[in-house]
Amino acid sequence: MSRTVLLINPPGFNLLSSEGGRHNLRASDLMACPPMSLLYLASHLARERSDVRIIVKDYMVEPYGPQSLRELLRAENPFLVGITCFSTNLYETFSIAKIVKETSPAASVITGGPHTALFARETISQPFVDLLCEGEGEKTFAEVVERLISGKALTGIPNLWIKSDGR
């Protein structure tokens, strides 16, 4: 099994429609801030699991499109892909999840963020989302990584929603 985790901060303006986005916005074009939630997850996971490669892909810093995302997935072969989900980037979040599952079907897709806290049931019901973290995610995410690597069941992890039977 791969030991790579990919954390993705999607674009927020329906910019995933073409390579680099329709407007090719960069962080300097907006008053954007780093994806702190993903950086917290990465930092905590790095302390817990030094054997796991962690990649953070932030659209606002380095715009990407569907093709470059597919290339990254093929090159890195992550076993887990985490995607931040805001209500303003639902289309992008679910489009990215679809690309992940089409390109790397064995990878688990986990979402977290403000939208998932409010609409957990609706988010986990999306066809390409496998897992959902509701609330603070550092410990939950690290436990998901630990259990996926060790082959243990994910049941019983606090704050984790697990899709069952495609629902």
Foldseek 3Di string as FASTA:
>chain_A
DAQEEEEEEWDQAPQQPDFCGPVNAACVNDVDDPPVLLVLQVVLLCVVDVPHHYHYHYCNHPNGYLVVLLVVCVVRVDQEYEYEDDVRCPVRRLVSLVSNCVNRVNHAYEYEYDVCQVVVVVVCLRQSHFKYAHDRPNVLSSVVSVCVVVVHDSPPRPRMDGDDPSD
